[in-house]
Amino acid sequence: MNSRDLTFIVGGARSGKSAHAERLAADSGLAVTYIATARVTGDAEFADRIAHHRARRPAHWGLVEAPLDLAGALDATAAPDRCVLIDCLTLWLASLLCPPEAQAPLPDWRARLDAFAAACERAQGTVLVVSNEIGMGVVPLGAATRLYVDELGRLNQRIAALADRATLVAAGLPLVLKAPAS
């Protein structure tokens, strides 16, 4: 029997999706591990964003940084008596498709997506996965940007299909897209 409770939380930039996920984690009553997917760069504004997220989290939450091996991080932290909050798929996919040290996507990026989906399927406990919804606009110019938008849309659909629950957050308001049958 799988005791997994997977929730997918999606929204636009500054929609409140991370804060919503953090509330769910805090309200779970479980020990929480936060898996951060962002790569710390020399970008001061981005460093401020990361600092804002860190300051908002309770100090007793565990932290795992996983800019590339998200499947391994989830496998190592998910357990029946734990809550794992992954924030976010958007930055993780960016690290795979646009690594700062290379001009092309990582050669195994598709395998990493498959490994993460498999880790979500076998995970035990409560898992909260945050991602951005970026596909509501026009088709972007440039092949690399189109690849990213297309692949994030596919990844979001894949994880939402696996999830027990899915929530869209807009203007700070959580809108239930999928809920377990009652």
Protein backbone atom coordinates (compact mmCIF):
# COMPACT_ATOMS: atom_id res chain seq x y z
CA MET A 1 0.00 0.00 0.00
CA ASN A 2 1.30 3.41 -0.95
CA SER A 3 0.82 6.01 1.78
CA ARG A 4 1.64 8.87 -0.57
CA ASP A 5 -0.26 12.13 -0.56
CA LEU A 6 0.97 14.16 -3.54
CA THR A 7 -0.22 17.73 -4.05
CA PHE A 8 0.71 19.78 -7.12
CA ILE A 9 0.57 23.57 -6.70
CA VAL A 10 0.88 25.78 -9.77
CA GLY A 11 0.57 29.49 -10.41
CA GLY A 12 2.18 32.49 -12.02
CA ALA A 13 5.10 34.52 -10.74
CA ARG A 14 4.26 36.13 -7.38
CA SER A 15 0.87 34.40 -7.34
CA GLY A 16 1.29 33.17 -3.76
CA LYS A 17 1.91 29.53 -4.72
CA SER A 18 5.01 29.10 -2.53
CA ALA A 19 3.37 30.74 0.48
CA HIS A 20 0.35 28.45 -0.02
CA ALA A 21 2.58 25.39 -0.16
CA GLU A 22 4.41 26.54 2.97
CA ARG A 23 1.09 26.91 4.81
CA LEU A 24 0.08 23.39 3.78
CA ALA A 25 3.42 22.05 4.98
CA ALA A 26 3.15 23.86 8.32
CA ASP A 27 -0.46 22.71 8.77
CA SER A 28 0.44 19.07 8.04
CA GLY A 29 1.72 18.57 11.59
CA LEU A 30 4.62 16.55 10.14
CA ALA A 31 8.35 17.16 10.15
CA VAL A 32 9.04 19.18 6.98
CA THR A 33 11.91 18.99 4.54
CA TYR A 34 12.11 21.79 1.99
CA ILE A 35 13.79 20.82 -1.28
CA ALA A 36 15.08 23.95 -2.99
CA THR A 37 15.84 23.67 -6.68
CA ALA A 38 17.27 27.14 -7.31
CA ARG A 39 20.93 27.56 -8.17
CA VAL A 40 22.54 30.40 -6.28
CA THR A 41 24.14 32.67 -8.85
CA GLY A 42 25.93 36.01 -8.87
CA ASP A 43 22.60 37.73 -9.54
CA ALA A 44 21.89 40.00 -6.54
CA GLU A 45 18.16 40.34 -7.26
CA PHE A 46 17.79 36.56 -7.50
CA ALA A 47 19.77 36.15 -4.27
CA ASP A 48 17.25 38.51 -2.62
CA ARG A 49 14.39 36.30 -3.84
CA ILE A 50 16.06 33.24 -2.32
CA ALA A 51 16.67 35.12 0.94
CA HIS A 52 12.98 36.09 1.06
CA HIS A 53 11.96 32.43 0.76
CA ARG A 54 14.49 31.37 3.42
CA ALA A 55 13.32 34.04 5.86
CA ARG A 56 9.71 32.94 5.50
CA ARG A 57 10.42 29.28 6.36
CA PRO A 58 10.54 28.03 9.94
CA ALA A 59 14.12 27.45 11.14
CA HIS A 60 13.35 23.87 12.22
CA TRP A 61 12.44 22.72 8.70
CA GLY A 62 15.07 20.60 7.02
CA LEU A 63 16.63 21.90 3.81
CA VAL A 64 17.99 19.98 0.83
CA GLU A 65 19.35 21.83 -2.18
CA ALA A 66 18.74 19.87 -5.38
CA PRO A 67 19.32 21.91 -8.54
CA LEU A 68 19.84 18.75 -10.63
CA ASP A 69 19.10 15.46 -8.80
CA LEU A 70 15.53 16.10 -7.73
CA ALA A 71 14.58 12.42 -7.93
CA GLY A 72 17.44 11.48 -5.59
CA ALA A 73 16.52 14.24 -3.15
CA LEU A 74 12.87 13.14 -3.06
CA ASP A 75 13.84 9.48 -2.64
CA ALA A 76 16.15 10.41 0.26
CA THR A 77 13.62 12.56 2.13
CA ALA A 78 10.11 11.20 1.53
CA ALA A 79 8.78 9.03 4.36
CA PRO A 80 5.35 8.19 5.79
CA ASP A 81 5.86 10.52 8.78
CA ARG A 82 7.27 13.46 6.80
CA CYS A 83 6.18 16.32 4.57
CA VAL A 84 8.44 17.20 1.65
CA LEU A 85 7.94 20.55 -0.07
CA ILE A 86 9.63 20.92 -3.47
CA ASP A 87 9.97 24.51 -4.69
CA CYS A 88 10.06 24.58 -7.65
CA LEU A 89 9.95 22.55 -10.87
CA THR A 90 10.36 25.75 -12.89
CA LEU A 91 13.89 26.46 -11.67
CA TRP A 92 14.84 22.77 -11.72
CA LEU A 93 13.89 22.43 -15.38
CA ALA A 94 15.78 25.64 -16.17
CA SER A 95 18.92 24.10 -14.63
CA LEU A 96 18.49 21.04 -16.82
CA LEU A 97 17.73 22.83 -20.09
CA CYS A 98 19.88 25.94 -19.60
CA PRO A 99 22.78 24.96 -17.33
CA PRO A 100 25.02 27.95 -16.60
CA GLU A 101 28.14 25.99 -17.48
CA ALA A 102 26.95 24.77 -20.89
CA GLN A 103 25.48 26.03 -24.15
CA ALA A 104 23.03 23.14 -24.48
CA PRO A 105 20.67 21.18 -22.25
CA LEU A 106 22.15 18.44 -20.09
CA PRO A 107 22.32 15.30 -22.23
CA ASP A 108 20.26 13.30 -19.71
CA TRP A 109 17.54 15.89 -19.02
CA ARG A 110 14.73 13.66 -20.27
CA ALA A 111 15.93 10.78 -18.10
CA ARG A 112 15.96 13.14 -15.09
CA LEU A 113 12.31 14.10 -15.77
CA ASP A 114 11.38 10.41 -15.96
CA ALA A 115 13.31 9.68 -12.76
CA PHE A 116 11.51 12.49 -10.93
CA ALA A 117 8.08 11.30 -12.07
CA ALA A 118 8.96 7.78 -10.90
CA ALA A 119 10.14 9.17 -7.55
CA CYS A 120 6.80 10.98 -7.17
CA GLU A 121 4.95 7.71 -7.84
CA ARG A 122 6.89 5.74 -5.19
CA ALA A 123 7.21 8.53 -2.60
CA GLN A 124 5.77 7.89 0.83
CA GLY A 125 4.24 10.56 3.05
CA THR A 126 3.09 14.04 2.10
CA VAL A 127 4.73 15.61 -0.93
CA LEU A 128 3.99 19.16 -2.10
CA VAL A 129 5.31 20.12 -5.53
CA VAL A 130 5.35 23.77 -6.64
CA SER A 131 5.67 24.94 -10.24
CA ASN A 132 4.95 27.96 -12.40
CA GLU A 133 2.25 28.17 -15.02
CA ILE A 134 3.97 29.95 -17.87
CA GLY A 135 1.99 28.64 -20.83
CA MET A 136 -0.89 31.10 -20.76
CA GLY A 137 0.75 33.62 -23.05
CA VAL A 138 1.89 33.80 -26.62
CA VAL A 139 4.29 31.29 -28.13
CA PRO A 140 7.74 32.75 -27.42
CA LEU A 141 10.34 33.56 -30.05
CA GLY A 142 13.46 31.43 -30.05
CA ALA A 143 13.79 27.66 -30.11
CA ALA A 144 15.37 27.40 -26.65
CA THR A 145 12.56 29.39 -25.02
CA ARG A 146 9.89 27.40 -26.84
CA LEU A 147 11.55 24.15 -25.72
CA TYR A 148 11.51 25.37 -22.11
CA VAL A 149 7.87 26.52 -22.19
CA ASP A 150 6.75 23.32 -23.93
CA GLU A 151 8.66 21.02 -21.59
CA LEU A 152 7.50 22.82 -18.43
CA GLY A 153 3.91 22.51 -19.65
CA ARG A 154 4.41 18.78 -20.27
CA LEU A 155 6.12 18.31 -16.89
CA ASN A 156 3.34 20.19 -15.09
CA GLN A 157 0.72 18.01 -16.80
CA ARG A 158 2.62 14.85 -15.93
CA ILE A 159 2.98 15.66 -12.22
CA ALA A 160 -0.60 16.96 -11.98
CA ALA A 161 -1.83 13.66 -13.45
CA LEU A 162 0.10 11.74 -10.76
CA ALA A 163 -1.06 14.04 -7.98
CA ASP A 164 -3.88 13.31 -5.57
CA ARG A 165 -4.62 17.05 -5.51
CA ALA A 166 -3.84 19.98 -7.77
CA THR A 167 -4.28 23.65 -6.93
CA LEU A 168 -3.90 26.76 -9.07
CA VAL A 169 -2.96 29.84 -7.07
CA ALA A 170 -3.91 33.21 -8.56
CA ALA A 171 -3.75 36.52 -6.70
CA GLY A 172 -2.99 34.61 -3.51
CA LEU A 173 -6.17 32.56 -3.79
CA PRO A 174 -5.94 28.76 -4.05
CA LEU A 175 -8.32 27.33 -6.64
CA VAL A 176 -8.80 23.56 -6.46
CA LEU A 177 -8.27 21.89 -9.81
CA LYS A 178 -8.24 18.29 -8.60
CA ALA A 179 -9.29 16.71 -5.32
CA PRO A 180 -9.53 13.13 -4.10
CA ALA A 181 -12.91 11.51 -4.58
CA SER A 182 -14.92 11.73 -1.37
